[in-house]
Amino acid sequence: MKPSISNSVILVYITLLLSGCSGIATRIDPNGTGYKEAGKASFYAIKFQSGKTSSGEIFDQSAYTAAHKKLPFGTKVKVTNVRNGKSVIVRINDRGPFVRGRIIDLSRSAFSKIGNTSAGVLDVKLEVVD
């Protein structure tokens, strides 16, 4: 007689298998410290300077701020360029980016701290910090 595998073991196996395919973000509450995500970062075009952000603030290219689709306004995020290891801490004050495949839009000054603006887009990892 062959041993049988219980339904709960199969369910756990399938859940683990599918969670590996569900995306790049670590499944931690995005409101809490420790939320991590990896993907592409870009920076705001100069035409957005002095415009209003989704939070109501006036956008300033020289401030260390960023746009994220889901993180709450005011959240501080450490953004690290995966190629050179340089990091910058930004505060979320806007929504976006609205380009497929990008996870964060940085102010020009924040982007230039971790990479050359002529690159336009960087591979980054981000982590919510205190």
C-alpha atoms as a PDB file:
ATOM      1  CA  MET A   1       0.000   0.000   0.000  1.00  0.00           C
ATOM      2  CA  LYS A   2       1.436   3.367  -1.029  1.00  0.00           C
ATOM      3  CA  PRO A   3       1.465   6.209   1.496  1.00  0.00           C
ATOM      4  CA  SER A   4      -0.941   9.005   0.625  1.00  0.00           C
ATOM      5  CA  ILE A   5      -0.181  12.694   0.785  1.00  0.00           C
ATOM      6  CA  SER A   6      -2.719  14.700   2.701  1.00  0.00           C
ATOM      7  CA  ASN A   7      -4.626  17.504   1.006  1.00  0.00           C
ATOM      8  CA  SER A   8      -3.128  20.067   3.383  1.00  0.00           C
ATOM      9  CA  VAL A   9       0.432  19.120   2.377  1.00  0.00           C
ATOM     10  CA  ILE A  10      -0.494  19.486  -1.286  1.00  0.00           C
ATOM     11  CA  LEU A  11      -2.119  22.856  -0.606  1.00  0.00           C
ATOM     12  CA  VAL A  12       0.986  24.127   1.212  1.00  0.00           C
ATOM     13  CA  TYR A  13       3.216  22.923  -1.632  1.00  0.00           C
ATOM     14  CA  ILE A  14       1.071  24.622  -4.293  1.00  0.00           C
ATOM     15  CA  THR A  15       0.932  27.861  -2.261  1.00  0.00           C
ATOM     16  CA  LEU A  16       4.724  27.939  -1.934  1.00  0.00           C
ATOM     17  CA  LEU A  17       5.170  27.159  -5.599  1.00  0.00           C
ATOM     18  CA  LEU A  18       2.800  29.917  -6.720  1.00  0.00           C
ATOM     19  CA  SER A  19       4.188  32.504  -4.313  1.00  0.00           C
ATOM     20  CA  GLY A  20       7.517  32.225  -6.085  1.00  0.00           C
ATOM     21  CA  CYS A  21       5.820  33.361  -9.299  1.00  0.00           C
ATOM     22  CA  SER A  22       3.716  36.134  -7.861  1.00  0.00           C
ATOM     23  CA  GLY A  23       6.098  39.041  -8.355  1.00  0.00           C
ATOM     24  CA  ILE A  24       9.226  40.660  -7.075  1.00  0.00           C
ATOM     25  CA  ALA A  25       7.922  42.418  -3.978  1.00  0.00           C
ATOM     26  CA  THR A  26       8.386  40.775  -0.616  1.00  0.00           C
ATOM     27  CA  ARG A  27       4.982  40.122   0.902  1.00  0.00           C
ATOM     28  CA  ILE A  28       5.279  42.378   3.927  1.00  0.00           C
ATOM     29  CA  ASP A  29       2.771  45.043   4.921  1.00  0.00           C
ATOM     30  CA  PRO A  30       3.738  48.069   2.770  1.00  0.00           C
ATOM     31  CA  ASN A  31       2.885  50.320   5.702  1.00  0.00           C
ATOM     32  CA  GLY A  32       5.574  48.745   7.839  1.00  0.00           C
ATOM     33  CA  THR A  33       9.345  48.879   8.090  1.00  0.00           C
ATOM     34  CA  GLY A  34      10.917  46.042   6.172  1.00  0.00           C
ATOM     35  CA  TYR A  35       8.743  46.118   3.050  1.00  0.00           C
ATOM     36  CA  LYS A  36      11.051  45.364   0.120  1.00  0.00           C
ATOM     37  CA  GLU A  37      10.682  45.587  -3.614  1.00  0.00           C
ATOM     38  CA  ALA A  38      12.997  45.388  -6.616  1.00  0.00           C
ATOM     39  CA  GLY A  39      12.588  46.787 -10.102  1.00  0.00           C
ATOM     40  CA  LYS A  40      13.265  49.845 -12.223  1.00  0.00           C
ATOM     41  CA  ALA A  41      13.549  53.454 -11.065  1.00  0.00           C
ATOM     42  CA  SER A  42      13.273  56.556 -13.194  1.00  0.00           C
ATOM     43  CA  PHE A  43      13.228  60.268 -12.410  1.00  0.00           C
ATOM     44  CA  TYR A  44      10.787  63.105 -12.984  1.00  0.00           C
ATOM     45  CA  ALA A  45      11.070  65.206 -16.126  1.00  0.00           C
ATOM     46  CA  ILE A  46      11.969  68.849 -15.528  1.00  0.00           C
ATOM     47  CA  LYS A  47       8.484  69.913 -16.721  1.00  0.00           C
ATOM     48  CA  PHE A  48       7.056  68.711 -13.380  1.00  0.00           C
ATOM     49  CA  GLN A  49       9.142  71.194 -11.346  1.00  0.00           C
ATOM     50  CA  SER A  50       6.864  73.323  -9.123  1.00  0.00           C
ATOM     51  CA  GLY A  51       3.782  71.316 -10.069  1.00  0.00           C
ATOM     52  CA  LYS A  52       1.457  69.819  -7.488  1.00  0.00           C
ATOM     53  CA  THR A  53       2.051  66.232  -6.348  1.00  0.00           C
ATOM     54  CA  SER A  54      -0.714  63.791  -5.422  1.00  0.00           C
ATOM     55  CA  SER A  55      -0.117  64.596  -1.754  1.00  0.00           C
ATOM     56  CA  GLY A  56      -0.726  68.296  -2.428  1.00  0.00           C
ATOM     57  CA  GLU A  57       2.914  69.318  -2.029  1.00  0.00           C
ATOM     58  CA  ILE A  58       4.706  71.397  -4.614  1.00  0.00           C
ATOM     59  CA  PHE A  59       7.251  69.215  -6.440  1.00  0.00           C
ATOM     60  CA  ASP A  60      10.897  70.207  -6.007  1.00  0.00           C
ATOM     61  CA  GLN A  61      13.578  68.442  -8.093  1.00  0.00           C
ATOM     62  CA  SER A  62      16.186  69.246  -5.426  1.00  0.00           C
ATOM     63  CA  ALA A  63      14.301  67.492  -2.595  1.00  0.00           C
ATOM     64  CA  TYR A  64      14.764  63.783  -1.872  1.00  0.00           C
ATOM     65  CA  THR A  65      11.231  62.713  -2.705  1.00  0.00           C
ATOM     66  CA  ALA A  66       9.616  60.018  -4.839  1.00  0.00           C
ATOM     67  CA  ALA A  67       6.429  58.600  -6.296  1.00  0.00           C
ATOM     68  CA  HIS A  68       5.213  55.085  -5.534  1.00  0.00           C
ATOM     69  CA  LYS A  69       1.939  53.446  -6.506  1.00  0.00           C
ATOM     70  CA  LYS A  70       0.948  52.102  -3.072  1.00  0.00           C
ATOM     71  CA  LEU A  71       3.184  53.255  -0.228  1.00  0.00           C
ATOM     72  CA  PRO A  72       1.549  55.861   2.021  1.00  0.00           C
ATOM     73  CA  PHE A  73       2.572  59.499   1.708  1.00  0.00           C
ATOM     74  CA  GLY A  74       5.353  60.324   4.149  1.00  0.00           C
ATOM     75  CA  THR A  75       6.874  56.829   4.021  1.00  0.00           C
ATOM     76  CA  LYS A  76      10.671  56.901   3.991  1.00  0.00           C
ATOM     77  CA  VAL A  77      12.267  54.492   1.555  1.00  0.00           C
ATOM     78  CA  LYS A  78      15.904  53.510   1.066  1.00  0.00           C
ATOM     79  CA  VAL A  79      16.528  53.132  -2.676  1.00  0.00           C
ATOM     80  CA  THR A  80      19.685  51.265  -3.694  1.00  0.00           C
ATOM     81  CA  ASN A  81      21.203  51.050  -7.157  1.00  0.00           C
ATOM     82  CA  VAL A  82      21.908  47.318  -7.553  1.00  0.00           C
ATOM     83  CA  ARG A  83      24.844  47.910  -9.944  1.00  0.00           C
ATOM     84  CA  ASN A  84      26.951  50.221  -7.764  1.00  0.00           C
ATOM     85  CA  GLY A  85      25.470  49.772  -4.262  1.00  0.00           C
ATOM     86  CA  LYS A  86      24.805  53.498  -3.793  1.00  0.00           C
ATOM     87  CA  SER A  87      21.710  54.369  -1.760  1.00  0.00           C
ATOM     88  CA  VAL A  88      19.514  57.352  -1.046  1.00  0.00           C
ATOM     89  CA  ILE A  89      16.624  57.807   1.374  1.00  0.00           C
ATOM     90  CA  VAL A  90      13.541  59.465  -0.081  1.00  0.00           C
ATOM     91  CA  ARG A  91      10.105  60.388   1.201  1.00  0.00           C
ATOM     92  CA  ILE A  92       7.028  59.300  -0.754  1.00  0.00           C
ATOM     93  CA  ASN A  93       4.913  62.342  -1.669  1.00  0.00           C
ATOM     94  CA  ASP A  94       3.389  61.372  -5.016  1.00  0.00           C
ATOM     95  CA  ARG A  95       1.743  58.525  -6.954  1.00  0.00           C
ATOM     96  CA  GLY A  96       3.345  56.754  -9.880  1.00  0.00           C
ATOM     97  CA  PRO A  97       5.265  55.831 -11.878  1.00  0.00           C
ATOM     98  CA  PHE A  98       2.763  55.168 -14.609  1.00  0.00           C
ATOM     99  CA  VAL A  99       5.164  53.402 -16.956  1.00  0.00           C
ATOM    100  CA  ARG A 100       4.963  49.607 -17.018  1.00  0.00           C
ATOM    101  CA  GLY A 101       7.831  47.901 -15.242  1.00  0.00           C
ATOM    102  CA  ARG A 102       8.870  50.851 -13.097  1.00  0.00           C
ATOM    103  CA  ILE A 103       8.374  50.760  -9.345  1.00  0.00           C
ATOM    104  CA  ILE A 104       9.476  54.227  -8.249  1.00  0.00           C
ATOM    105  CA  ASP A 105      10.009  57.708  -9.708  1.00  0.00           C
ATOM    106  CA  LEU A 106      12.703  59.713  -7.948  1.00  0.00           C
ATOM    107  CA  SER A 107      13.363  63.421  -7.919  1.00  0.00           C
ATOM    108  CA  ARG A 108      16.282  64.318 -10.163  1.00  0.00           C
ATOM    109  CA  SER A 109      18.585  65.032  -7.198  1.00  0.00           C
ATOM    110  CA  ALA A 110      17.762  61.708  -5.508  1.00  0.00           C
ATOM    111  CA  PHE A 111      18.336  59.812  -8.761  1.00  0.00           C
ATOM    112  CA  SER A 112      21.690  61.554  -9.311  1.00  0.00           C
ATOM    113  CA  LYS A 113      22.857  60.421  -5.838  1.00  0.00           C
ATOM    114  CA  ILE A 114      22.695  56.774  -6.908  1.00  0.00           C
ATOM    115  CA  GLY A 115      23.274  56.929 -10.668  1.00  0.00           C
ATOM    116  CA  ASN A 116      23.900  59.041 -13.724  1.00  0.00           C
ATOM    117  CA  THR A 117      20.790  60.801 -15.002  1.00  0.00           C
ATOM    118  CA  SER A 118      21.892  60.074 -18.577  1.00  0.00           C
ATOM    119  CA  ALA A 119      21.028  56.423 -17.856  1.00  0.00           C
ATOM    120  CA  GLY A 120      17.365  57.412 -17.425  1.00  0.00           C
ATOM    121  CA  VAL A 121      16.394  54.170 -15.700  1.00  0.00           C
ATOM    122  CA  LEU A 122      18.181  52.125 -13.030  1.00  0.00           C
ATOM    123  CA  ASP A 123      17.713  48.683 -11.534  1.00  0.00           C
ATOM    124  CA  VAL A 124      17.037  49.290  -7.853  1.00  0.00           C
ATOM    125  CA  LYS A 125      15.875  47.662  -4.692  1.00  0.00           C
ATOM    126  CA  LEU A 126      13.870  49.593  -2.170  1.00  0.00           C
ATOM    127  CA  GLU A 127      13.132  49.092   1.481  1.00  0.00           C
ATOM    128  CA  VAL A 128      10.858  51.001   3.819  1.00  0.00           C
ATOM    129  CA  VAL A 129      12.858  52.480   6.708  1.00  0.00           C
ATOM    130  CA  ASP A 130      11.925  54.276   9.929  1.00  0.00           C
END
